[in-house]
Amino acid sequence: MRVANAVDVGALLRDGRMRQGMTQAQLAEAVGTSRAWVVAVESGSPNARIDLVLRALQWVDLVVDVSPDQASAELSRLLGGGDD
């Protein structure tokens, strides 16, 4: 799935948590944070600490895989942009 914003991350986390059969409280305990934090992230809060988000995603068997945006790379090539 392509993730474009905090709402997408929250949806992935919620879906992963539910697939694992975990409650928000259980995930919060595993991550070392509060249930309110889990609720906020699952709701798309843009202010969540990235280290906790990554830890939460690991607990629900998800990983972050960052790759170049092929459309942006192609546009840059067409416009004569060089490699950065």
PDB file of N, CA and C in Angstrom:
ATOM      1  N   MET A   1       0.849  -1.177   0.000  1.00  0.00           N
ATOM      2  CA  MET A   1       0.000   0.000   0.000  1.00  0.00           C
ATOM      3  C   MET A   1       0.891   1.237   0.000  1.00  0.00           C
ATOM      4  N   ARG A   2       0.517   2.183  -0.783  1.00  0.00           N
ATOM      5  CA  ARG A   2       1.216   3.461  -0.827  1.00  0.00           C
ATOM      6  C   ARG A   2       0.668   4.336   0.294  1.00  0.00           C
ATOM      7  N   VAL A   3       1.562   4.855   1.124  1.00  0.00           N
ATOM      8  CA  VAL A   3       1.172   5.688   2.254  1.00  0.00           C
ATOM      9  C   VAL A   3       1.505   7.140   1.914  1.00  0.00           C
ATOM     10  N   ALA A   4       0.481   7.990   1.988  1.00  0.00           N
ATOM     11  CA  ALA A   4       0.671   9.390   1.606  1.00  0.00           C
ATOM     12  C   ALA A   4       0.568  10.355   2.776  1.00  0.00           C
ATOM     13  N   ASN A   5       0.011   9.884   3.907  1.00  0.00           N
ATOM     14  CA  ASN A   5      -0.192  10.811   5.020  1.00  0.00           C
ATOM     15  C   ASN A   5      -0.422  10.046   6.321  1.00  0.00           C
ATOM     16  N   ALA A   6      -0.587  10.790   7.392  1.00  0.00           N
ATOM     17  CA  ALA A   6      -0.766  10.199   8.719  1.00  0.00           C
ATOM     18  C   ALA A   6      -2.048   9.372   8.813  1.00  0.00           C
ATOM     19  N   VAL A   7      -3.064   9.752   8.080  1.00  0.00           N
ATOM     20  CA  VAL A   7      -4.319   8.987   8.088  1.00  0.00           C
ATOM     21  C   VAL A   7      -4.087   7.589   7.519  1.00  0.00           C
ATOM     22  N   ASP A   8      -3.279   7.497   6.468  1.00  0.00           N
ATOM     23  CA  ASP A   8      -2.955   6.194   5.880  1.00  0.00           C
ATOM     24  C   ASP A   8      -2.187   5.321   6.874  1.00  0.00           C
ATOM     25  N   VAL A   9      -1.225   5.917   7.571  1.00  0.00           N
ATOM     26  CA  VAL A   9      -0.455   5.176   8.569  1.00  0.00           C
ATOM     27  C   VAL A   9      -1.385   4.665   9.670  1.00  0.00           C
ATOM     28  N   GLY A  10      -2.283   5.527  10.115  1.00  0.00           N
ATOM     29  CA  GLY A  10      -3.224   5.141  11.158  1.00  0.00           C
ATOM     30  C   GLY A  10      -4.113   3.982  10.738  1.00  0.00           C
ATOM     31  N   ALA A  11      -4.576   4.029   9.498  1.00  0.00           N
ATOM     32  CA  ALA A  11      -5.425   2.949   8.991  1.00  0.00           C
ATOM     33  C   ALA A  11      -4.656   1.633   8.919  1.00  0.00           C
ATOM     34  N   LEU A  12      -3.404   1.696   8.479  1.00  0.00           N
ATOM     35  CA  LEU A  12      -2.575   0.493   8.435  1.00  0.00           C
ATOM     36  C   LEU A  12      -2.356  -0.075   9.825  1.00  0.00           C
ATOM     37  N   LEU A  13      -2.060   0.810  10.774  1.00  0.00           N
ATOM     38  CA  LEU A  13      -1.838   0.353  12.142  1.00  0.00           C
ATOM     39  C   LEU A  13      -3.094  -0.297  12.711  1.00  0.00           C
ATOM     40  N   ARG A  14      -4.241   0.344  12.533  1.00  0.00           N
ATOM     41  CA  ARG A  14      -5.504  -0.202  13.035  1.00  0.00           C
ATOM     42  C   ARG A  14      -5.798  -1.563  12.404  1.00  0.00           C
ATOM     43  N   ASP A  15      -5.641  -1.660  11.083  1.00  0.00           N
ATOM     44  CA  ASP A  15      -5.901  -2.930  10.396  1.00  0.00           C
ATOM     45  C   ASP A  15      -4.946  -4.025  10.880  1.00  0.00           C
ATOM     46  N   GLY A  16      -3.670  -3.670  11.027  1.00  0.00           N
ATOM     47  CA  GLY A  16      -2.693  -4.637  11.508  1.00  0.00           C
ATOM     48  C   GLY A  16      -2.986  -5.089  12.925  1.00  0.00           C
ATOM     49  N   ARG A  17      -3.350  -4.131  13.776  1.00  0.00           N
ATOM     50  CA  ARG A  17      -3.685  -4.461  15.173  1.00  0.00           C
ATOM     51  C   ARG A  17      -4.867  -5.409  15.222  1.00  0.00           C
ATOM     52  N   MET A  18      -5.859  -5.124  14.431  1.00  0.00           N
ATOM     53  CA  MET A  18      -7.062  -5.967  14.434  1.00  0.00           C
ATOM     54  C   MET A  18      -6.757  -7.364  13.890  1.00  0.00           C
ATOM     55  N   ARG A  19      -5.901  -7.438  12.858  1.00  0.00           N
ATOM     56  CA  ARG A  19      -5.497  -8.750  12.328  1.00  0.00           C
ATOM     57  C   ARG A  19      -4.785  -9.573  13.391  1.00  0.00           C
ATOM     58  N   GLN A  20      -4.032  -8.907  14.264  1.00  0.00           N
ATOM     59  CA  GLN A  20      -3.316  -9.596  15.338  1.00  0.00           C
ATOM     60  C   GLN A  20      -4.236  -9.930  16.512  1.00  0.00           C
ATOM     61  N   GLY A  21      -5.462  -9.417  16.482  1.00  0.00           N
ATOM     62  CA  GLY A  21      -6.399  -9.668  17.574  1.00  0.00           C
ATOM     63  C   GLY A  21      -6.052  -8.887  18.835  1.00  0.00           C
ATOM     64  N   MET A  22      -5.376  -7.755  18.656  1.00  0.00           N
ATOM     65  CA  MET A  22      -4.959  -6.935  19.796  1.00  0.00           C
ATOM     66  C   MET A  22      -5.951  -5.800  20.028  1.00  0.00           C
ATOM     67  N   THR A  23      -6.140  -5.466  21.282  1.00  0.00           N
ATOM     68  CA  THR A  23      -6.908  -4.269  21.608  1.00  0.00           C
ATOM     69  C   THR A  23      -5.959  -3.068  21.551  1.00  0.00           C
ATOM     70  N   GLN A  24      -6.532  -1.888  21.557  1.00  0.00           N
ATOM     71  CA  GLN A  24      -5.706  -0.684  21.607  1.00  0.00           C
ATOM     72  C   GLN A  24      -4.877  -0.664  22.887  1.00  0.00           C
ATOM     73  N   ALA A  25      -5.462  -1.097  23.987  1.00  0.00           N
ATOM     74  CA  ALA A  25      -4.740  -1.128  25.264  1.00  0.00           C
ATOM     75  C   ALA A  25      -3.569  -2.103  25.211  1.00  0.00           C
ATOM     76  N   GLN A  26      -3.766  -3.255  24.593  1.00  0.00           N
ATOM     77  CA  GLN A  26      -2.685  -4.234  24.485  1.00  0.00           C
ATOM     78  C   GLN A  26      -1.543  -3.703  23.622  1.00  0.00           C
ATOM     79  N   LEU A  27      -1.881  -3.066  22.525  1.00  0.00           N
ATOM     80  CA  LEU A  27      -0.845  -2.497  21.675  1.00  0.00           C
ATOM     81  C   LEU A  27      -0.103  -1.387  22.409  1.00  0.00           C
ATOM     82  N   ALA A  28      -0.839  -0.550  23.113  1.00  0.00           N
ATOM     83  CA  ALA A  28      -0.211   0.539  23.874  1.00  0.00           C
ATOM     84  C   ALA A  28       0.785  -0.024  24.879  1.00  0.00           C
ATOM     85  N   GLU A  29       0.404  -1.077  25.581  1.00  0.00           N
ATOM     86  CA  GLU A  29       1.307  -1.680  26.565  1.00  0.00           C
ATOM     87  C   GLU A  29       2.545  -2.252  25.886  1.00  0.00           C
ATOM     88  N   ALA A  30       2.359  -2.919  24.765  1.00  0.00           N
ATOM     89  CA  ALA A  30       3.485  -3.508  24.042  1.00  0.00           C
ATOM     90  C   ALA A  30       4.460  -2.439  23.548  1.00  0.00           C
ATOM     91  N   VAL A  31       3.930  -1.323  23.099  1.00  0.00           N
ATOM     92  CA  VAL A  31       4.749  -0.235  22.561  1.00  0.00           C
ATOM     93  C   VAL A  31       5.381   0.590  23.677  1.00  0.00           C
ATOM     94  N   GLY A  32       4.730   0.604  24.832  1.00  0.00           N
ATOM     95  CA  GLY A  32       5.220   1.402  25.949  1.00  0.00           C
ATOM     96  C   GLY A  32       4.659   2.804  25.937  1.00  0.00           C
ATOM     97  N   THR A  33       3.403   2.903  25.568  1.00  0.00           N
ATOM     98  CA  THR A  33       2.740   4.200  25.499  1.00  0.00           C
ATOM     99  C   THR A  33       1.320   4.051  26.036  1.00  0.00           C
ATOM    100  N   SER A  34       0.497   5.048  25.816  1.00  0.00           N
ATOM    101  CA  SER A  34      -0.870   5.016  26.340  1.00  0.00           C
ATOM    102  C   SER A  34      -1.872   4.604  25.260  1.00  0.00           C
ATOM    103  N   ARG A  35      -3.022   4.158  25.710  1.00  0.00           N
ATOM    104  CA  ARG A  35      -4.103   3.844  24.774  1.00  0.00           C
ATOM    105  C   ARG A  35      -4.519   5.102  24.015  1.00  0.00           C
ATOM    106  N   ALA A  36      -4.482   6.251  24.684  1.00  0.00           N
ATOM    107  CA  ALA A  36      -4.837   7.517  24.025  1.00  0.00           C
ATOM    108  C   ALA A  36      -3.907   7.787  22.834  1.00  0.00           C
ATOM    109  N   TRP A  37      -2.624   7.423  22.978  1.00  0.00           N
ATOM    110  CA  TRP A  37      -1.680   7.600  21.875  1.00  0.00           C
ATOM    111  C   TRP A  37      -2.086   6.711  20.699  1.00  0.00           C
ATOM    112  N   VAL A  38      -2.431   5.451  20.975  1.00  0.00           N
ATOM    113  CA  VAL A  38      -2.852   4.532  19.913  1.00  0.00           C
ATOM    114  C   VAL A  38      -4.100   5.080  19.223  1.00  0.00           C
ATOM    115  N   VAL A  39      -5.060   5.549  19.997  1.00  0.00           N
ATOM    116  CA  VAL A  39      -6.281   6.127  19.431  1.00  0.00           C
ATOM    117  C   VAL A  39      -5.923   7.298  18.513  1.00  0.00           C
ATOM    118  N   ALA A  40      -5.030   8.169  18.970  1.00  0.00           N
ATOM    119  CA  ALA A  40      -4.646   9.339  18.176  1.00  0.00           C
ATOM    120  C   ALA A  40      -3.971   8.937  16.867  1.00  0.00           C
ATOM    121  N   VAL A  41      -3.045   7.984  16.940  1.00  0.00           N
ATOM    122  CA  VAL A  41      -2.346   7.550  15.723  1.00  0.00           C
ATOM    123  C   VAL A  41      -3.323   6.896  14.760  1.00  0.00           C
ATOM    124  N   GLU A  42      -4.171   6.023  15.271  1.00  0.00           N
ATOM    125  CA  GLU A  42      -5.141   5.349  14.407  1.00  0.00           C
ATOM    126  C   GLU A  42      -6.123   6.343  13.789  1.00  0.00           C
ATOM    127  N   SER A  43      -6.289   7.481  14.420  1.00  0.00           N
ATOM    128  CA  SER A  43      -7.178   8.525  13.890  1.00  0.00           C
ATOM    129  C   SER A  43      -6.468   9.453  12.914  1.00  0.00           C
ATOM    130  N   GLY A  44      -5.167   9.246  12.733  1.00  0.00           N
ATOM    131  CA  GLY A  44      -4.424  10.036  11.757  1.00  0.00           C
ATOM    132  C   GLY A  44      -3.695  11.239  12.320  1.00  0.00           C
ATOM    133  N   SER A  45      -3.397  11.215  13.611  1.00  0.00           N
ATOM    134  CA  SER A  45      -2.669  12.332  14.204  1.00  0.00           C
ATOM    135  C   SER A  45      -1.327  12.529  13.500  1.00  0.00           C
ATOM    136  N   PRO A  46      -1.062  13.748  13.025  1.00  0.00           N
ATOM    137  CA  PRO A  46       0.210  14.001  12.346  1.00  0.00           C
ATOM    138  C   PRO A  46       1.358  14.287  13.309  1.00  0.00           C
ATOM    139  N   ASN A  47       1.094  14.261  14.605  1.00  0.00           N
ATOM    140  CA  ASN A  47       2.103  14.637  15.592  1.00  0.00           C
ATOM    141  C   ASN A  47       2.682  13.475  16.371  1.00  0.00           C
ATOM    142  N   ALA A  48       2.466  12.248  15.924  1.00  0.00           N
ATOM    143  CA  ALA A  48       2.957  11.079  16.649  1.00  0.00           C
ATOM    144  C   ALA A  48       4.464  10.935  16.472  1.00  0.00           C
ATOM    145  N   ARG A  49       5.125  10.505  17.536  1.00  0.00           N
ATOM    146  CA  ARG A  49       6.574  10.266  17.464  1.00  0.00           C
ATOM    147  C   ARG A  49       6.862   9.108  16.520  1.00  0.00           C
ATOM    148  N   ILE A  50       7.771   9.334  15.598  1.00  0.00           N
ATOM    149  CA  ILE A  50       8.070   8.322  14.589  1.00  0.00           C
ATOM    150  C   ILE A  50       8.639   7.050  15.198  1.00  0.00           C
ATOM    151  N   ASP A  51       9.434   7.152  16.255  1.00  0.00           N
ATOM    152  CA  ASP A  51       9.991   5.946  16.858  1.00  0.00           C
ATOM    153  C   ASP A  51       8.893   5.058  17.428  1.00  0.00           C
ATOM    154  N   LEU A  52       7.888   5.673  18.029  1.00  0.00           N
ATOM    155  CA  LEU A  52       6.778   4.883  18.567  1.00  0.00           C
ATOM    156  C   LEU A  52       5.910   4.316  17.447  1.00  0.00           C
ATOM    157  N   VAL A  53       5.718   5.074  16.386  1.00  0.00           N
ATOM    158  CA  VAL A  53       4.938   4.578  15.244  1.00  0.00           C
ATOM    159  C   VAL A  53       5.634   3.362  14.646  1.00  0.00           C
ATOM    160  N   LEU A  54       6.942   3.448  14.450  1.00  0.00           N
ATOM    161  CA  LEU A  54       7.674   2.311  13.894  1.00  0.00           C
ATOM    162  C   LEU A  54       7.606   1.098  14.803  1.00  0.00           C
ATOM    163  N   ARG A  55       7.717   1.316  16.099  1.00  0.00           N
ATOM    164  CA  ARG A  55       7.621   0.206  17.064  1.00  0.00           C
ATOM    165  C   ARG A  55       6.222  -0.418  17.015  1.00  0.00           C
ATOM    166  N   ALA A  56       5.193   0.418  16.951  1.00  0.00           N
ATOM    167  CA  ALA A  56       3.817  -0.090  16.881  1.00  0.00           C
ATOM    168  C   ALA A  56       3.601  -0.896  15.609  1.00  0.00           C
ATOM    169  N   LEU A  57       4.113  -0.405  14.494  1.00  0.00           N
ATOM    170  CA  LEU A  57       3.969  -1.145  13.236  1.00  0.00           C
ATOM    171  C   LEU A  57       4.663  -2.497  13.317  1.00  0.00           C
ATOM    172  N   GLN A  58       5.814  -2.559  13.972  1.00  0.00           N
ATOM    173  CA  GLN A  58       6.502  -3.843  14.135  1.00  0.00           C
ATOM    174  C   GLN A  58       5.658  -4.821  14.940  1.00  0.00           C
ATOM    175  N   TRP A  59       4.979  -4.328  15.960  1.00  0.00           N
ATOM    176  CA  TRP A  59       4.155  -5.203  16.802  1.00  0.00           C
ATOM    177  C   TRP A  59       2.997  -5.813  16.033  1.00  0.00           C
ATOM    178  N   VAL A  60       2.571  -5.156  14.947  1.00  0.00           N
ATOM    179  CA  VAL A  60       1.468  -5.712  14.154  1.00  0.00           C
ATOM    180  C   VAL A  60       1.984  -6.295  12.835  1.00  0.00           C
ATOM    181  N   ASP A  61       3.283  -6.658  12.843  1.00  0.00           N
ATOM    182  CA  ASP A  61       3.926  -7.329  11.707  1.00  0.00           C
ATOM    183  C   ASP A  61       3.912  -6.514  10.416  1.00  0.00           C
ATOM    184  N   LEU A  62       4.130  -5.211  10.547  1.00  0.00           N
ATOM    185  CA  LEU A  62       4.264  -4.344   9.380  1.00  0.00           C
ATOM    186  C   LEU A  62       5.629  -3.674   9.420  1.00  0.00           C
ATOM    187  N   VAL A  63       6.197  -3.443   8.250  1.00  0.00           N
ATOM    188  CA  VAL A  63       7.475  -2.746   8.155  1.00  0.00           C
ATOM    189  C   VAL A  63       7.320  -1.560   7.211  1.00  0.00           C
ATOM    190  N   VAL A  64       8.191  -0.600   7.376  1.00  0.00           N
ATOM    191  CA  VAL A  64       8.210   0.564   6.496  1.00  0.00           C
ATOM    192  C   VAL A  64       9.294   0.330   5.459  1.00  0.00           C
ATOM    193  N   ASP A  65       8.924   0.414   4.200  1.00  0.00           N
ATOM    194  CA  ASP A  65       9.851   0.227   3.087  1.00  0.00           C
ATOM    195  C   ASP A  65       9.772   1.490   2.242  1.00  0.00           C
ATOM    196  N   VAL A  66      10.807   2.305   2.292  1.00  0.00           N
ATOM    197  CA  VAL A  66      10.809   3.577   1.589  1.00  0.00           C
ATOM    198  C   VAL A  66      11.510   3.403   0.251  1.00  0.00           C
ATOM    199  N   SER A  67      10.873   3.898  -0.809  1.00  0.00           N
ATOM    200  CA  SER A  67      11.467   3.822  -2.138  1.00  0.00           C
ATOM    201  C   SER A  67      11.180   5.114  -2.884  1.00  0.00           C
ATOM    202  N   PRO A  68      11.975   5.396  -3.906  1.00  0.00           N
ATOM    203  CA  PRO A  68      11.754   6.617  -4.672  1.00  0.00           C
ATOM    204  C   PRO A  68      10.396   6.597  -5.356  1.00  0.00           C
ATOM    205  N   ASP A  69       9.824   7.756  -5.467  1.00  0.00           N
ATOM    206  CA  ASP A  69       8.562   7.917  -6.183  1.00  0.00           C
ATOM    207  C   ASP A  69       8.889   7.915  -7.673  1.00  0.00           C
ATOM    208  N   GLN A  70       8.533   6.858  -8.369  1.00  0.00           N
ATOM    209  CA  GLN A  70       8.894   6.721  -9.779  1.00  0.00           C
ATOM    210  C   GLN A  70       8.317   7.839 -10.642  1.00  0.00           C
ATOM    211  N   ALA A  71       7.126   8.301 -10.327  1.00  0.00           N
ATOM    212  CA  ALA A  71       6.520   9.385 -11.109  1.00  0.00           C
ATOM    213  C   ALA A  71       7.348  10.658 -10.969  1.00  0.00           C
ATOM    214  N   SER A  72       7.801  10.958  -9.759  1.00  0.00           N
ATOM    215  CA  SER A  72       8.619  12.154  -9.542  1.00  0.00           C
ATOM    216  C   SER A  72       9.968  12.025 -10.242  1.00  0.00           C
ATOM    217  N   ALA A  73      10.553  10.849 -10.184  1.00  0.00           N
ATOM    218  CA  ALA A  73      11.839  10.632 -10.845  1.00  0.00           C
ATOM    219  C   ALA A  73      11.700  10.795 -12.353  1.00  0.00           C
ATOM    220  N   GLU A  74      10.636  10.278 -12.921  1.00  0.00           N
ATOM    221  CA  GLU A  74      10.407  10.389 -14.360  1.00  0.00           C
ATOM    222  C   GLU A  74      10.154  11.838 -14.752  1.00  0.00           C
ATOM    223  N   LEU A  75       9.369  12.560 -13.980  1.00  0.00           N
ATOM    224  CA  LEU A  75       9.109  13.973 -14.246  1.00  0.00           C
ATOM    225  C   LEU A  75      10.414  14.767 -14.216  1.00  0.00           C
ATOM    226  N   SER A  76      11.230  14.504 -13.206  1.00  0.00           N
ATOM    227  CA  SER A  76      12.522  15.203 -13.093  1.00  0.00           C
ATOM    228  C   SER A  76      13.386  14.920 -14.317  1.00  0.00           C
ATOM    229  N   ARG A  77      13.405  13.664 -14.760  1.00  0.00           N
ATOM    230  CA  ARG A  77      14.184  13.298 -15.951  1.00  0.00           C
ATOM    231  C   ARG A  77      13.681  14.038 -17.165  1.00  0.00           C
ATOM    232  N   LEU A  78      12.360  14.086 -17.328  1.00  0.00           N
ATOM    233  CA  LEU A  78      11.783  14.760 -18.488  1.00  0.00           C
ATOM    234  C   LEU A  78      12.049  16.251 -18.479  1.00  0.00           C
ATOM    235  N   LEU A  79      12.124  16.829 -17.301  1.00  0.00           N
ATOM    236  CA  LEU A  79      12.376  18.269 -17.182  1.00  0.00           C
ATOM    237  C   LEU A  79      13.861  18.604 -17.197  1.00  0.00           C
ATOM    238  N   GLY A  80      14.693  17.580 -17.364  1.00  0.00           N
ATOM    239  CA  GLY A  80      16.131  17.817 -17.460  1.00  0.00           C
ATOM    240  C   GLY A  80      16.841  17.902 -16.125  1.00  0.00           C
ATOM    241  N   GLY A  81      16.174  17.467 -15.064  1.00  0.00           N
ATOM    242  CA  GLY A  81      16.826  17.469 -13.749  1.00  0.00           C
ATOM    243  C   GLY A  81      17.866  16.379 -13.673  1.00  0.00           C
ATOM    244  N   GLY A  82      18.918  16.642 -12.947  1.00  0.00           N
ATOM    245  CA  GLY A  82      19.970  15.658 -12.776  1.00  0.00           C
ATOM    246  C   GLY A  82      19.765  14.862 -11.518  1.00  0.00           C
ATOM    247  N   ASP A  83      20.702  13.979 -11.251  1.00  0.00           N
ATOM    248  CA  ASP A  83      20.669  13.204 -10.011  1.00  0.00           C
ATOM    249  C   ASP A  83      21.084  14.094  -8.857  1.00  0.00           C
ATOM    250  N   ASP A  84      20.441  13.909  -7.710  1.00  0.00           N
ATOM    251  CA  ASP A  84      20.813  14.664  -6.517  1.00  0.00           C
ATOM    252  C   ASP A  84      21.878  13.958  -5.754  1.00  0.00           C
TER     253      ASP A  84
END
